[in-house]
C-alpha atoms as a PDB file:
ATOM      1  CA  MET A   1     -15.833  19.733 -30.505  1.00  0.00           C
ATOM      2  CA  THR A   2     -16.041  23.383 -30.060  1.00  0.00           C
ATOM      3  CA  THR A   3     -15.386  23.061 -26.323  1.00  0.00           C
ATOM      4  CA  TYR A   4     -11.758  22.078 -26.909  1.00  0.00           C
ATOM      5  CA  PHE A   5     -11.223  25.295 -28.803  1.00  0.00           C
ATOM      6  CA  ASP A   6     -12.748  27.370 -26.004  1.00  0.00           C
ATOM      7  CA  PHE A   7     -11.415  25.598 -22.936  1.00  0.00           C
ATOM      8  CA  LYS A   8      -8.533  23.374 -24.234  1.00  0.00           C
ATOM      9  CA  ILE A   9      -9.817  20.312 -22.553  1.00  0.00           C
ATOM     10  CA  THR A  10     -11.203  16.956 -23.649  1.00  0.00           C
ATOM     11  CA  ASN A  11     -12.874  13.959 -22.101  1.00  0.00           C
ATOM     12  CA  ALA A  12     -10.178  11.485 -23.573  1.00  0.00           C
ATOM     13  CA  HIS A  13      -9.086  10.288 -20.225  1.00  0.00           C
ATOM     14  CA  ALA A  14     -12.667   9.499 -19.130  1.00  0.00           C
ATOM     15  CA  GLU A  15     -13.319   7.699 -22.438  1.00  0.00           C
ATOM     16  CA  GLY A  16     -10.116   5.569 -22.077  1.00  0.00           C
ATOM     17  CA  ILE A  17     -11.344   4.502 -18.652  1.00  0.00           C
ATOM     18  CA  ASN A  18     -14.699   3.678 -19.971  1.00  0.00           C
ATOM     19  CA  SER A  19     -13.109   1.585 -22.708  1.00  0.00           C
ATOM     20  CA  ARG A  20     -11.109  -0.368 -20.249  1.00  0.00           C
ATOM     21  CA  ILE A  21     -14.205  -1.015 -18.152  1.00  0.00           C
ATOM     22  CA  GLN A  22     -16.102  -2.254 -21.179  1.00  0.00           C
ATOM     23  CA  ALA A  23     -13.204  -4.657 -21.983  1.00  0.00           C
ATOM     24  CA  ILE A  24     -13.451  -5.989 -18.424  1.00  0.00           C
ATOM     25  CA  LYS A  25     -17.093  -6.593 -18.919  1.00  0.00           C
ATOM     26  CA  VAL A  26     -16.690  -8.387 -22.322  1.00  0.00           C
ATOM     27  CA  LYS A  27     -13.775 -10.489 -21.062  1.00  0.00           C
ATOM     28  CA  ALA A  28     -15.842 -11.667 -18.034  1.00  0.00           C
ATOM     29  CA  ARG A  29     -18.872 -12.416 -20.131  1.00  0.00           C
ATOM     30  CA  GLY A  30     -21.167 -11.099 -17.489  1.00  0.00           C
ATOM     31  CA  PHE A  31     -21.027 -10.935 -13.699  1.00  0.00           C
ATOM     32  CA  ARG A  32     -23.304 -12.525 -11.167  1.00  0.00           C
ATOM     33  CA  ASN A  33     -23.883  -9.269  -9.438  1.00  0.00           C
ATOM     34  CA  GLN A  34     -22.800  -5.543  -9.263  1.00  0.00           C
ATOM     35  CA  GLU A  35     -20.610  -6.156  -6.377  1.00  0.00           C
ATOM     36  CA  ASN A  36     -18.396  -8.569  -8.409  1.00  0.00           C
ATOM     37  CA  PHE A  37     -18.270  -6.198 -11.361  1.00  0.00           C
ATOM     38  CA  LYS A  38     -17.270  -3.325  -8.972  1.00  0.00           C
ATOM     39  CA  THR A  39     -14.473  -5.507  -7.461  1.00  0.00           C
ATOM     40  CA  ALA A  40     -13.111  -6.463 -10.879  1.00  0.00           C
ATOM     41  CA  ILE A  41     -13.007  -2.876 -11.985  1.00  0.00           C
ATOM     42  CA  LEU A  42     -11.238  -1.841  -8.861  1.00  0.00           C
ATOM     43  CA  PHE A  43      -8.804  -4.795  -9.159  1.00  0.00           C
ATOM     44  CA  HIS A  44      -7.832  -4.008 -12.803  1.00  0.00           C
ATOM     45  CA  LEU A  45      -7.975  -0.121 -12.726  1.00  0.00           C
ATOM     46  CA  GLY A  46      -7.250   0.596  -9.025  1.00  0.00           C
ATOM     47  CA  GLY A  47      -3.471   0.998  -9.474  1.00  0.00           C
ATOM     48  CA  LEU A  48      -2.635  -1.577  -6.747  1.00  0.00           C
ATOM     49  CA  ASP A  49       0.849  -2.971  -6.394  1.00  0.00           C
ATOM     50  CA  LEU A  50       0.347  -6.609  -6.785  1.00  0.00           C
ATOM     51  CA  TYR A  51       3.974  -7.428  -5.620  1.00  0.00           C
ATOM     52  CA  PRO A  52       4.334  -5.211  -2.530  1.00  0.00           C
ATOM     53  CA  THR A  53       7.574  -5.260  -0.506  1.00  0.00           C
ATOM     54  CA  THR A  54       6.838  -7.614   2.414  1.00  0.00           C
ATOM     55  CA  HIS A  55       9.946  -6.983   4.489  1.00  0.00           C
ATOM     56  CA  ARG A  56      11.836  -3.717   4.972  1.00  0.00           C
ATOM     57  CA  VAL A  57      14.793  -3.175   7.212  1.00  0.00           C
ATOM     58  CA  VAL A  58      14.254   0.021   9.041  1.00  0.00           C
ATOM     59  CA  GLY A  59      17.439   1.749  10.157  1.00  0.00           C
END
């Protein structure tokens, strides 16, 4: 707590990400292996555009 007063930084962003990862784990009720868990985290938190533009007219 005194770190905030000294440096004006917090770990709130990291805690938010950890909370979202724990929610993914709970919702899935377990994973078969670590690779599936990692894939789920990247899918949900990776910031991917799920509806990308498929055709663009270039000038």
